[in-house]
Each structure stands twice: as structure tokens, then as C-alpha cells.
PDB file of N, CA and C in Angstrom:
ATOM      1  N   UNK A   1       0.836  -1.167   0.000  1.00  0.00           N
ATOM      2  CA  UNK A   1       0.000   0.000   0.000  1.00  0.00           C
ATOM      3  C   UNK A   1       0.888   1.239   0.000  1.00  0.00           C
ATOM      4  N   UNK A   2       0.544   2.235  -0.783  1.00  0.00           N
ATOM      5  CA  UNK A   2       1.369   3.444  -0.840  1.00  0.00           C
ATOM      6  C   UNK A   2       0.915   4.436   0.222  1.00  0.00           C
ATOM      7  N   UNK A   3       1.913   5.166   0.727  1.00  0.00           N
ATOM      8  CA  UNK A   3       1.604   6.170   1.735  1.00  0.00           C
ATOM      9  C   UNK A   3       1.291   7.488   1.054  1.00  0.00           C
ATOM     10  N   UNK A   4       0.346   8.187   1.596  1.00  0.00           N
ATOM     11  CA  UNK A   4       0.035   9.518   1.089  1.00  0.00           C
ATOM     12  C   UNK A   4       0.371  10.527   2.172  1.00  0.00           C
ATOM     13  N   UNK A   5       0.805  11.662   1.737  1.00  0.00           N
ATOM     14  CA  UNK A   5       1.149  12.689   2.719  1.00  0.00           C
ATOM     15  C   UNK A   5      -0.022  13.626   2.901  1.00  0.00           C
ATOM     16  N   UNK A   6      -0.202  14.007   4.114  1.00  0.00           N
ATOM     17  CA  UNK A   6      -1.268  14.936   4.456  1.00  0.00           C
ATOM     18  C   UNK A   6      -0.789  16.354   4.176  1.00  0.00           C
ATOM     19  N   UNK A   7      -1.535  17.160   3.423  1.00  0.00           N
ATOM     20  CA  UNK A   7      -1.070  18.514   3.101  1.00  0.00           C
ATOM     21  C   UNK A   7      -0.909  19.392   4.334  1.00  0.00           C
ATOM     22  N   UNK A   8      -1.518  19.021   5.453  1.00  0.00           N
ATOM     23  CA  UNK A   8      -1.388  19.834   6.661  1.00  0.00           C
ATOM     24  C   UNK A   8      -0.130  19.495   7.447  1.00  0.00           C
ATOM     25  N   UNK A   9       0.620  18.465   7.032  1.00  0.00           N
ATOM     26  CA  UNK A   9       1.853  18.117   7.734  1.00  0.00           C
ATOM     27  C   UNK A   9       2.881  19.228   7.662  1.00  0.00           C
ATOM     28  N   UNK A  10       2.917  19.984   6.571  1.00  0.00           N
ATOM     29  CA  UNK A  10       3.884  21.066   6.411  1.00  0.00           C
ATOM     30  C   UNK A  10       3.605  22.232   7.349  1.00  0.00           C
ATOM     31  N   UNK A  11       2.403  22.277   7.928  1.00  0.00           N
ATOM     32  CA  UNK A  11       2.056  23.387   8.811  1.00  0.00           C
ATOM     33  C   UNK A  11       2.963  23.446  10.031  1.00  0.00           C
ATOM     34  N   UNK A  12       3.486  22.305  10.470  1.00  0.00           N
ATOM     35  CA  UNK A  12       4.357  22.287  11.641  1.00  0.00           C
ATOM     36  C   UNK A  12       5.701  22.941  11.354  1.00  0.00           C
ATOM     37  N   UNK A  13       6.167  22.873  10.132  1.00  0.00           N
ATOM     38  CA  UNK A  13       7.473  23.432   9.772  1.00  0.00           C
ATOM     39  C   UNK A  13       7.397  24.887   9.341  1.00  0.00           C
ATOM     40  N   UNK A  14       6.236  25.403   9.075  1.00  0.00           N
ATOM     41  CA  UNK A  14       6.067  26.761   8.608  1.00  0.00           C
ATOM     42  C   UNK A  14       6.102  27.718   9.798  1.00  0.00           C
ATOM     43  N   UNK A  15       6.788  28.866   9.656  1.00  0.00           N
ATOM     44  CA  UNK A  15       6.805  29.832  10.754  1.00  0.00           C
ATOM     45  C   UNK A  15       5.395  30.308  11.088  1.00  0.00           C
ATOM     46  N   UNK A  16       5.186  30.614  12.363  1.00  0.00           N
ATOM     47  CA  UNK A  16       3.867  31.043  12.803  1.00  0.00           C
ATOM     48  C   UNK A  16       3.472  32.342  12.110  1.00  0.00           C
ATOM     49  N   UNK A  17       2.245  32.414  11.669  1.00  0.00           N
ATOM     50  CA  UNK A  17       1.739  33.618  11.028  1.00  0.00           C
ATOM     51  C   UNK A  17       1.940  33.638   9.523  1.00  0.00           C
ATOM     52  N   UNK A  18       2.722  32.728   8.967  1.00  0.00           N
ATOM     53  CA  UNK A  18       2.920  32.733   7.515  1.00  0.00           C
ATOM     54  C   UNK A  18       1.876  31.843   6.866  1.00  0.00           C
ATOM     55  N   UNK A  19       1.478  32.270   5.682  1.00  0.00           N
ATOM     56  CA  UNK A  19       0.493  31.507   4.933  1.00  0.00           C
ATOM     57  C   UNK A  19       1.089  31.097   3.601  1.00  0.00           C
ATOM     58  N   UNK A  20       0.716  29.925   3.113  1.00  0.00           N
ATOM     59  CA  UNK A  20       1.170  29.569   1.771  1.00  0.00           C
ATOM     60  C   UNK A  20       0.401  30.396   0.748  1.00  0.00           C
ATOM     61  N   UNK A  21       0.976  30.591  -0.385  1.00  0.00           N
ATOM     62  CA  UNK A  21       0.273  31.313  -1.445  1.00  0.00           C
ATOM     63  C   UNK A  21       0.889  32.653  -1.751  1.00  0.00           C
ATOM     64  N   UNK A  22       0.382  33.713  -1.155  1.00  0.00           N
ATOM     65  CA  UNK A  22       0.824  35.062  -1.482  1.00  0.00           C
ATOM     66  C   UNK A  22       1.829  35.569  -0.462  1.00  0.00           C
ATOM     67  N   UNK A  23       3.037  35.073  -0.540  1.00  0.00           N
ATOM     68  CA  UNK A  23       4.070  35.536   0.383  1.00  0.00           C
ATOM     69  C   UNK A  23       5.361  35.766  -0.395  1.00  0.00           C
ATOM     70  N   UNK A  24       6.071  36.813  -0.035  1.00  0.00           N
ATOM     71  CA  UNK A  24       7.401  37.082  -0.569  1.00  0.00           C
ATOM     72  C   UNK A  24       7.475  37.171  -2.072  1.00  0.00           C
ATOM     73  N   UNK A  25       8.321  36.333  -2.669  1.00  0.00           N
ATOM     74  CA  UNK A  25       8.550  36.406  -4.119  1.00  0.00           C
ATOM     75  C   UNK A  25       7.292  36.197  -4.959  1.00  0.00           C
ATOM     76  N   UNK A  26       6.397  35.353  -4.505  1.00  0.00           N
ATOM     77  CA  UNK A  26       5.173  35.125  -5.283  1.00  0.00           C
ATOM     78  C   UNK A  26       4.331  36.392  -5.357  1.00  0.00           C
ATOM     79  N   UNK A  27       4.285  37.135  -4.272  1.00  0.00           N
ATOM     80  CA  UNK A  27       3.529  38.382  -4.259  1.00  0.00           C
ATOM     81  C   UNK A  27       4.158  39.402  -5.205  1.00  0.00           C
ATOM     82  N   UNK A  28       5.471  39.515  -5.172  1.00  0.00           N
ATOM     83  CA  UNK A  28       6.165  40.478  -6.026  1.00  0.00           C
ATOM     84  C   UNK A  28       5.962  40.131  -7.496  1.00  0.00           C
ATOM     85  N   UNK A  29       6.097  38.872  -7.846  1.00  0.00           N
ATOM     86  CA  UNK A  29       5.906  38.446  -9.240  1.00  0.00           C
ATOM     87  C   UNK A  29       4.449  38.654  -9.657  1.00  0.00           C
ATOM     88  N   UNK A  30       3.530  38.377  -8.761  1.00  0.00           N
ATOM     89  CA  UNK A  30       2.119  38.602  -9.068  1.00  0.00           C
ATOM     90  C   UNK A  30       1.816  40.074  -9.331  1.00  0.00           C
ATOM     91  N   UNK A  31       2.368  40.954  -8.499  1.00  0.00           N
ATOM     92  CA  UNK A  31       2.183  42.389  -8.717  1.00  0.00           C
ATOM     93  C   UNK A  31       2.836  42.848 -10.016  1.00  0.00           C
ATOM     94  N   UNK A  32       4.007  42.304 -10.309  1.00  0.00           N
ATOM     95  CA  UNK A  32       4.720  42.633 -11.546  1.00  0.00           C
ATOM     96  C   UNK A  32       3.861  42.274 -12.765  1.00  0.00           C
ATOM     97  N   UNK A  33       3.349  41.070 -12.781  1.00  0.00           N
ATOM     98  CA  UNK A  33       2.519  40.619 -13.908  1.00  0.00           C
ATOM     99  C   UNK A  33       1.245  41.457 -13.987  1.00  0.00           C
ATOM    100  N   UNK A  34       0.639  41.752 -12.845  1.00  0.00           N
ATOM    101  CA  UNK A  34      -0.576  42.561 -12.835  1.00  0.00           C
ATOM    102  C   UNK A  34      -0.315  43.958 -13.398  1.00  0.00           C
ATOM    103  N   UNK A  35       0.780  44.584 -12.995  1.00  0.00           N
ATOM    104  CA  UNK A  35       1.106  45.919 -13.502  1.00  0.00           C
ATOM    105  C   UNK A  35       1.375  45.908 -15.004  1.00  0.00           C
ATOM    106  N   UNK A  36       2.053  44.890 -15.491  1.00  0.00           N
ATOM    107  CA  UNK A  36       2.317  44.792 -16.930  1.00  0.00           C
ATOM    108  C   UNK A  36       1.001  44.618 -17.692  1.00  0.00           C
ATOM    109  N   UNK A  37       0.100  43.791 -17.176  1.00  0.00           N
ATOM    110  CA  UNK A  37      -1.192  43.595 -17.841  1.00  0.00           C
ATOM    111  C   UNK A  37      -2.041  44.863 -17.818  1.00  0.00           C
ATOM    112  N   UNK A  38      -2.009  45.596 -16.705  1.00  0.00           N
ATOM    113  CA  UNK A  38      -2.765  46.855 -16.629  1.00  0.00           C
ATOM    114  C   UNK A  38      -2.219  47.851 -17.647  1.00  0.00           C
ATOM    115  N   UNK A  39      -0.901  47.922 -17.770  1.00  0.00           N
ATOM    116  CA  UNK A  39      -0.298  48.846 -18.726  1.00  0.00           C
ATOM    117  C   UNK A  39      -0.619  48.453 -20.165  1.00  0.00           C
ATOM    118  N   UNK A  40      -0.588  47.175 -20.457  1.00  0.00           N
ATOM    119  CA  UNK A  40      -0.951  46.720 -21.803  1.00  0.00           C
ATOM    120  C   UNK A  40      -2.415  47.046 -22.102  1.00  0.00           C
ATOM    121  N   UNK A  41      -3.273  46.872 -21.120  1.00  0.00           N
ATOM    122  CA  UNK A  41      -4.687  47.206 -21.295  1.00  0.00           C
ATOM    123  C   UNK A  41      -4.865  48.705 -21.521  1.00  0.00           C
ATOM    124  N   UNK A  42      -4.117  49.511 -20.763  1.00  0.00           N
ATOM    125  CA  UNK A  42      -4.200  50.972 -20.946  1.00  0.00           C
ATOM    126  C   UNK A  42      -3.747  51.368 -22.345  1.00  0.00           C
ATOM    127  N   UNK A  43      -2.671  50.764 -22.837  1.00  0.00           N
ATOM    128  CA  UNK A  43      -2.220  51.046 -24.196  1.00  0.00           C
ATOM    129  C   UNK A  43      -3.264  50.668 -25.234  1.00  0.00           C
ATOM    130  N   UNK A  44      -3.898  49.540 -25.034  1.00  0.00           N
ATOM    131  CA  UNK A  44      -4.954  49.092 -25.946  1.00  0.00           C
ATOM    132  C   UNK A  44      -6.117  50.085 -25.951  1.00  0.00           C
ATOM    133  N   UNK A  45      -6.535  50.504 -24.755  1.00  0.00           N
ATOM    134  CA  UNK A  45      -7.661  51.431 -24.658  1.00  0.00           C
ATOM    135  C   UNK A  45      -7.324  52.803 -25.222  1.00  0.00           C
ATOM    136  N   UNK A  46      -6.125  53.272 -24.994  1.00  0.00           N
ATOM    137  CA  UNK A  46      -5.723  54.575 -25.553  1.00  0.00           C
ATOM    138  C   UNK A  46      -5.776  54.545 -27.068  1.00  0.00           C
ATOM    139  N   UNK A  47      -5.219  53.505 -27.667  1.00  0.00           N
ATOM    140  CA  UNK A  47      -5.212  53.420 -29.126  1.00  0.00           C
ATOM    141  C   UNK A  47      -6.612  53.195 -29.686  1.00  0.00           C
ATOM    142  N   UNK A  48      -7.492  52.622 -28.892  1.00  0.00           N
ATOM    143  CA  UNK A  48      -8.862  52.389 -29.346  1.00  0.00           C
ATOM    144  C   UNK A  48      -9.660  53.688 -29.403  1.00  0.00           C
ATOM    145  N   UNK A  49      -9.465  54.564 -28.416  1.00  0.00           N
ATOM    146  CA  UNK A  49     -10.325  55.738 -28.294  1.00  0.00           C
ATOM    147  C   UNK A  49      -9.679  57.059 -28.704  1.00  0.00           C
ATOM    148  N   UNK A  50      -8.382  57.089 -28.949  1.00  0.00           N
ATOM    149  CA  UNK A  50      -7.707  58.326 -29.341  1.00  0.00           C
ATOM    150  C   UNK A  50      -7.320  58.220 -30.808  1.00  0.00           C
ATOM    151  N   UNK A  51      -7.680  59.229 -31.578  1.00  0.00           N
ATOM    152  CA  UNK A  51      -7.392  59.240 -33.014  1.00  0.00           C
ATOM    153  C   UNK A  51      -6.072  59.944 -33.303  1.00  0.00           C
ATOM    154  N   UNK A  52      -5.437  59.584 -34.410  1.00  0.00           N
ATOM    155  CA  UNK A  52      -4.260  60.281 -34.912  1.00  0.00           C
ATOM    156  C   UNK A  52      -2.993  60.091 -34.091  1.00  0.00           C
ATOM    157  N   UNK A  53      -2.808  58.922 -33.525  1.00  0.00           N
ATOM    158  CA  UNK A  53      -1.612  58.664 -32.727  1.00  0.00           C
ATOM    159  C   UNK A  53      -0.413  58.347 -33.621  1.00  0.00           C
ATOM    160  N   UNK A  54       0.748  58.790 -33.216  1.00  0.00           N
ATOM    161  CA  UNK A  54       1.994  58.442 -33.904  1.00  0.00           C
ATOM    162  C   UNK A  54       2.399  57.015 -33.527  1.00  0.00           C
ATOM    163  N   UNK A  55       3.052  56.300 -34.423  1.00  0.00           N
ATOM    164  CA  UNK A  55       3.508  54.950 -34.067  1.00  0.00           C
ATOM    165  C   UNK A  55       4.560  55.011 -32.954  1.00  0.00           C
ATOM    166  N   UNK A  56       4.375  54.229 -31.881  1.00  0.00           N
ATOM    167  CA  UNK A  56       5.376  54.237 -30.811  1.00  0.00           C
ATOM    168  C   UNK A  56       6.633  53.481 -31.237  1.00  0.00           C
ATOM    169  N   UNK A  57       7.781  53.852 -30.646  1.00  0.00           N
ATOM    170  CA  UNK A  57       9.046  53.179 -30.947  1.00  0.00           C
ATOM    171  C   UNK A  57       9.623  52.637 -29.653  1.00  0.00           C
ATOM    172  N   UNK A  58       9.648  51.321 -29.527  1.00  0.00           N
ATOM    173  CA  UNK A  58      10.180  50.655 -28.338  1.00  0.00           C
ATOM    174  C   UNK A  58      11.687  50.851 -28.288  1.00  0.00           C
ATOM    175  N   UNK A  59      12.184  51.376 -27.174  1.00  0.00           N
ATOM    176  CA  UNK A  59      13.603  51.691 -26.982  1.00  0.00           C
ATOM    177  C   UNK A  59      14.119  52.651 -28.055  1.00  0.00           C
ATOM    178  N   UNK A  60      13.243  53.458 -28.592  1.00  0.00           N
ATOM    179  CA  UNK A  60      13.556  54.440 -29.642  1.00  0.00           C
ATOM    180  C   UNK A  60      14.075  53.787 -30.927  1.00  0.00           C
ATOM    181  N   UNK A  61      13.952  52.490 -31.063  1.00  0.00           N
ATOM    182  CA  UNK A  61      14.484  51.778 -32.229  1.00  0.00           C
ATOM    183  C   UNK A  61      13.434  50.971 -32.978  1.00  0.00           C
ATOM    184  N   UNK A  62      12.615  50.231 -32.262  1.00  0.00           N
ATOM    185  CA  UNK A  62      11.691  49.281 -32.877  1.00  0.00           C
ATOM    186  C   UNK A  62      10.309  49.926 -33.012  1.00  0.00           C
ATOM    187  N   UNK A  63       9.882  50.204 -34.239  1.00  0.00           N
ATOM    188  CA  UNK A  63       8.553  50.820 -34.404  1.00  0.00           C
ATOM    189  C   UNK A  63       7.432  49.788 -34.231  1.00  0.00           C
ATOM    190  N   UNK A  64       6.381  50.215 -33.561  1.00  0.00           N
ATOM    191  CA  UNK A  64       5.185  49.394 -33.415  1.00  0.00           C
ATOM    192  C   UNK A  64       4.081  50.051 -34.226  1.00  0.00           C
ATOM    193  N   UNK A  65       3.151  49.287 -34.746  1.00  0.00           N
ATOM    194  CA  UNK A  65       2.054  49.898 -35.512  1.00  0.00           C
ATOM    195  C   UNK A  65       1.130  50.686 -34.583  1.00  0.00           C
ATOM    196  N   UNK A  66       0.554  51.775 -35.084  1.00  0.00           N
ATOM    197  CA  UNK A  66      -0.354  52.575 -34.250  1.00  0.00           C
ATOM    198  C   UNK A  66      -1.745  51.955 -34.154  1.00  0.00           C
ATOM    199  N   UNK A  67      -1.803  50.707 -33.781  1.00  0.00           N
ATOM    200  CA  UNK A  67      -3.060  49.979 -33.608  1.00  0.00           C
ATOM    201  C   UNK A  67      -3.233  49.663 -32.127  1.00  0.00           C
ATOM    202  N   UNK A  68      -4.425  49.260 -31.730  1.00  0.00           N
ATOM    203  CA  UNK A  68      -4.603  48.891 -30.321  1.00  0.00           C
ATOM    204  C   UNK A  68      -3.642  47.792 -29.864  1.00  0.00           C
ATOM    205  N   UNK A  69      -3.414  46.782 -30.692  1.00  0.00           N
ATOM    206  CA  UNK A  69      -2.477  45.722 -30.301  1.00  0.00           C
ATOM    207  C   UNK A  69      -1.036  46.226 -30.265  1.00  0.00           C
ATOM    208  N   UNK A  70      -0.685  47.119 -31.165  1.00  0.00           N
ATOM    209  CA  UNK A  70       0.656  47.691 -31.163  1.00  0.00           C
ATOM    210  C   UNK A  70       0.923  48.498 -29.905  1.00  0.00           C
ATOM    211  N   UNK A  71      -0.062  49.307 -29.496  1.00  0.00           N
ATOM    212  CA  UNK A  71       0.102  50.095 -28.278  1.00  0.00           C
ATOM    213  C   UNK A  71       0.061  49.219 -27.030  1.00  0.00           C
ATOM    214  N   UNK A  72      -0.733  48.156 -27.057  1.00  0.00           N
ATOM    215  CA  UNK A  72      -0.761  47.235 -25.920  1.00  0.00           C
ATOM    216  C   UNK A  72       0.595  46.553 -25.761  1.00  0.00           C
ATOM    217  N   UNK A  73       1.158  46.102 -26.871  1.00  0.00           N
ATOM    218  CA  UNK A  73       2.483  45.464 -26.816  1.00  0.00           C
ATOM    219  C   UNK A  73       3.550  46.452 -26.385  1.00  0.00           C
ATOM    220  N   UNK A  74       3.487  47.656 -26.902  1.00  0.00           N
ATOM    221  CA  UNK A  74       4.456  48.691 -26.533  1.00  0.00           C
ATOM    222  C   UNK A  74       4.381  49.000 -25.038  1.00  0.00           C
ATOM    223  N   UNK A  75       3.182  49.211 -24.523  1.00  0.00           N
ATOM    224  CA  UNK A  75       3.017  49.522 -23.104  1.00  0.00           C
ATOM    225  C   UNK A  75       3.455  48.383 -22.210  1.00  0.00           C
ATOM    226  N   UNK A  76       3.040  47.173 -22.547  1.00  0.00           N
ATOM    227  CA  UNK A  76       3.407  46.015 -21.738  1.00  0.00           C
ATOM    228  C   UNK A  76       4.904  45.753 -21.746  1.00  0.00           C
ATOM    229  N   UNK A  77       5.515  45.803 -22.923  1.00  0.00           N
ATOM    230  CA  UNK A  77       6.962  45.558 -23.014  1.00  0.00           C
ATOM    231  C   UNK A  77       7.779  46.655 -22.337  1.00  0.00           C
ATOM    232  N   UNK A  78       7.344  47.893 -22.469  1.00  0.00           N
ATOM    233  CA  UNK A  78       8.077  48.991 -21.853  1.00  0.00           C
ATOM    234  C   UNK A  78       8.052  48.868 -20.333  1.00  0.00           C
ATOM    235  N   UNK A  79       6.892  48.639 -19.760  1.00  0.00           N
ATOM    236  CA  UNK A  79       6.821  48.513 -18.308  1.00  0.00           C
ATOM    237  C   UNK A  79       7.515  47.240 -17.831  1.00  0.00           C
ATOM    238  N   UNK A  80       7.407  46.158 -18.598  1.00  0.00           N
ATOM    239  CA  UNK A  80       8.102  44.930 -18.211  1.00  0.00           C
ATOM    240  C   UNK A  80       9.608  45.163 -18.141  1.00  0.00           C
ATOM    241  N   UNK A  81      10.132  45.937 -19.064  1.00  0.00           N
ATOM    242  CA  UNK A  81      11.560  46.234 -19.062  1.00  0.00           C
ATOM    243  C   UNK A  81      11.926  47.201 -17.939  1.00  0.00           C
ATOM    244  N   UNK A  82      11.131  48.261 -17.787  1.00  0.00           N
ATOM    245  CA  UNK A  82      11.432  49.285 -16.780  1.00  0.00           C
ATOM    246  C   UNK A  82      11.356  48.704 -15.362  1.00  0.00           C
ATOM    247  N   UNK A  83      10.411  47.823 -15.095  1.00  0.00           N
ATOM    248  CA  UNK A  83      10.314  47.213 -13.778  1.00  0.00           C
ATOM    249  C   UNK A  83      11.128  45.932 -13.662  1.00  0.00           C
ATOM    250  N   UNK A  84      11.286  45.218 -14.761  1.00  0.00           N
ATOM    251  CA  UNK A  84      11.956  43.921 -14.720  1.00  0.00           C
ATOM    252  C   UNK A  84      13.449  44.003 -14.489  1.00  0.00           C
ATOM    253  N   UNK A  85      14.115  44.987 -15.086  1.00  0.00           N
ATOM    254  CA  UNK A  85      15.565  45.111 -14.907  1.00  0.00           C
ATOM    255  C   UNK A  85      15.913  45.417 -13.451  1.00  0.00           C
ATOM    256  N   UNK A  86      15.300  46.429 -12.812  1.00  0.00           N
ATOM    257  CA  UNK A  86      15.616  46.645 -11.388  1.00  0.00           C
ATOM    258  C   UNK A  86      15.230  45.462 -10.506  1.00  0.00           C
ATOM    259  N   UNK A  87      14.116  44.813 -10.809  1.00  0.00           N
ATOM    260  CA  UNK A  87      13.705  43.649 -10.032  1.00  0.00           C
ATOM    261  C   UNK A  87      14.721  42.519 -10.154  1.00  0.00           C
ATOM    262  N   UNK A  88      15.213  42.287 -11.349  1.00  0.00           N
ATOM    263  CA  UNK A  88      16.236  41.264 -11.547  1.00  0.00           C
ATOM    264  C   UNK A  88      17.533  41.625 -10.816  1.00  0.00           C
ATOM    265  N   UNK A  89      17.888  42.899 -10.813  1.00  0.00           N
ATOM    266  CA  UNK A  89      19.084  43.333 -10.084  1.00  0.00           C
ATOM    267  C   UNK A  89      18.922  43.139  -8.580  1.00  0.00           C
ATOM    268  N   UNK A  90      17.749  43.417  -8.052  1.00  0.00           N
ATOM    269  CA  UNK A  90      17.499  43.207  -6.629  1.00  0.00           C
ATOM    270  C   UNK A  90      17.624  41.727  -6.281  1.00  0.00           C
ATOM    271  N   UNK A  91      17.071  40.873  -7.119  1.00  0.00           N
ATOM    272  CA  UNK A  91      17.166  39.432  -6.885  1.00  0.00           C
ATOM    273  C   UNK A  91      18.625  38.987  -6.924  1.00  0.00           C
ATOM    274  N   UNK A  92      19.370  39.468  -7.906  1.00  0.00           N
ATOM    275  CA  UNK A  92      20.773  39.105  -8.033  1.00  0.00           C
ATOM    276  C   UNK A  92      21.581  39.550  -6.819  1.00  0.00           C
ATOM    277  N   UNK A  93      21.400  40.782  -6.394  1.00  0.00           N
ATOM    278  CA  UNK A  93      22.138  41.300  -5.243  1.00  0.00           C
ATOM    279  C   UNK A  93      21.726  40.578  -3.966  1.00  0.00           C
ATOM    280  N   UNK A  94      20.439  40.311  -3.802  1.00  0.00           N
ATOM    281  CA  UNK A  94      19.987  39.648  -2.578  1.00  0.00           C
ATOM    282  C   UNK A  94      20.519  38.227  -2.465  1.00  0.00           C
ATOM    283  N   UNK A  95      20.782  37.584  -3.564  1.00  0.00           N
ATOM    284  CA  UNK A  95      21.352  36.228  -3.511  1.00  0.00           C
ATOM    285  C   UNK A  95      22.844  36.243  -3.216  1.00  0.00           C
ATOM    286  N   UNK A  96      23.507  37.331  -3.543  1.00  0.00           N
ATOM    287  CA  UNK A  96      24.960  37.407  -3.349  1.00  0.00           C
ATOM    288  C   UNK A  96      25.366  37.959  -1.978  1.00  0.00           C
ATOM    289  N   UNK A  97      24.483  38.695  -1.330  1.00  0.00           N
ATOM    290  CA  UNK A  97      24.804  39.281  -0.042  1.00  0.00           C
ATOM    291  C   UNK A  97      24.480  38.275   1.058  1.00  0.00           C
ATOM    292  N   UNK A  98      25.420  38.095   1.984  1.00  0.00           N
ATOM    293  CA  UNK A  98      25.190  37.173   3.093  1.00  0.00           C
ATOM    294  C   UNK A  98      24.224  37.772   4.090  1.00  0.00           C
ATOM    295  N   UNK A  99      23.508  36.896   4.779  1.00  0.00           N
ATOM    296  CA  UNK A  99      22.628  37.360   5.847  1.00  0.00           C
ATOM    297  C   UNK A  99      23.463  37.905   7.003  1.00  0.00           C
ATOM    298  N   UNK A 100      23.027  39.013   7.633  1.00  0.00           N
ATOM    299  CA  UNK A 100      23.801  39.585   8.734  1.00  0.00           C
ATOM    300  C   UNK A 100      23.769  38.732   9.989  1.00  0.00           C
ATOM    301  N   UNK A 101      22.822  37.823  10.093  1.00  0.00           N
ATOM    302  CA  UNK A 101      22.711  37.011  11.315  1.00  0.00           C
ATOM    303  C   UNK A 101      23.660  35.862  11.355  1.00  0.00           C
TER     304      UNK A 101
END
């Protein structure tokens, strides 16, 4: 007969007051994805309701079409880059620095 593990067994090893799910890195990544999606949605809505927009250029080099999908991609990619690079640097530095304790 095979043994099954009870999902509540891990509760003994978890620090008091902590919950599985939305803690630490998962929360940060969730907020990051949410912000990128909100920005992409805003770009889509702007291009949908505003007439005569110039084509955006990602990193001043890559032109995107002045369509709702083009602005959504531009907004999402721009914010992903602007927030993603510092976030990646924080992760890199936090892994290299020793704990003070």
C-alpha cells in the first residue's frame, strides 16, 4: 500500500503567522505581472479611443504599428523592461549578499 502525505503536515514546519500562497517572491511576481497587464490594457484602450496617434518606438528603435495591439504590446513591453531590470538586479544582489545574522 502506498503512503500519502497529508497537506497539513507542512504546517508544523512553517513559521507562525505565515500563509502559503501570497508571500514574498510570489507576491512580487504577481504584482509585476498585474502591472504589466494593466499597462498593456491601458495602451490598448488609448489606441482604441484616441485618433491620430503616432507609431510608438520601443527603446527608440523598434517601431510598433499605431493599432490597439501595437500600443498594448508597446506599453506592456516597456513597463516589463522598466520594472523587470531593477527587479532582476534586486534578486541578483539579494542572492549574493550574506545574511547579517
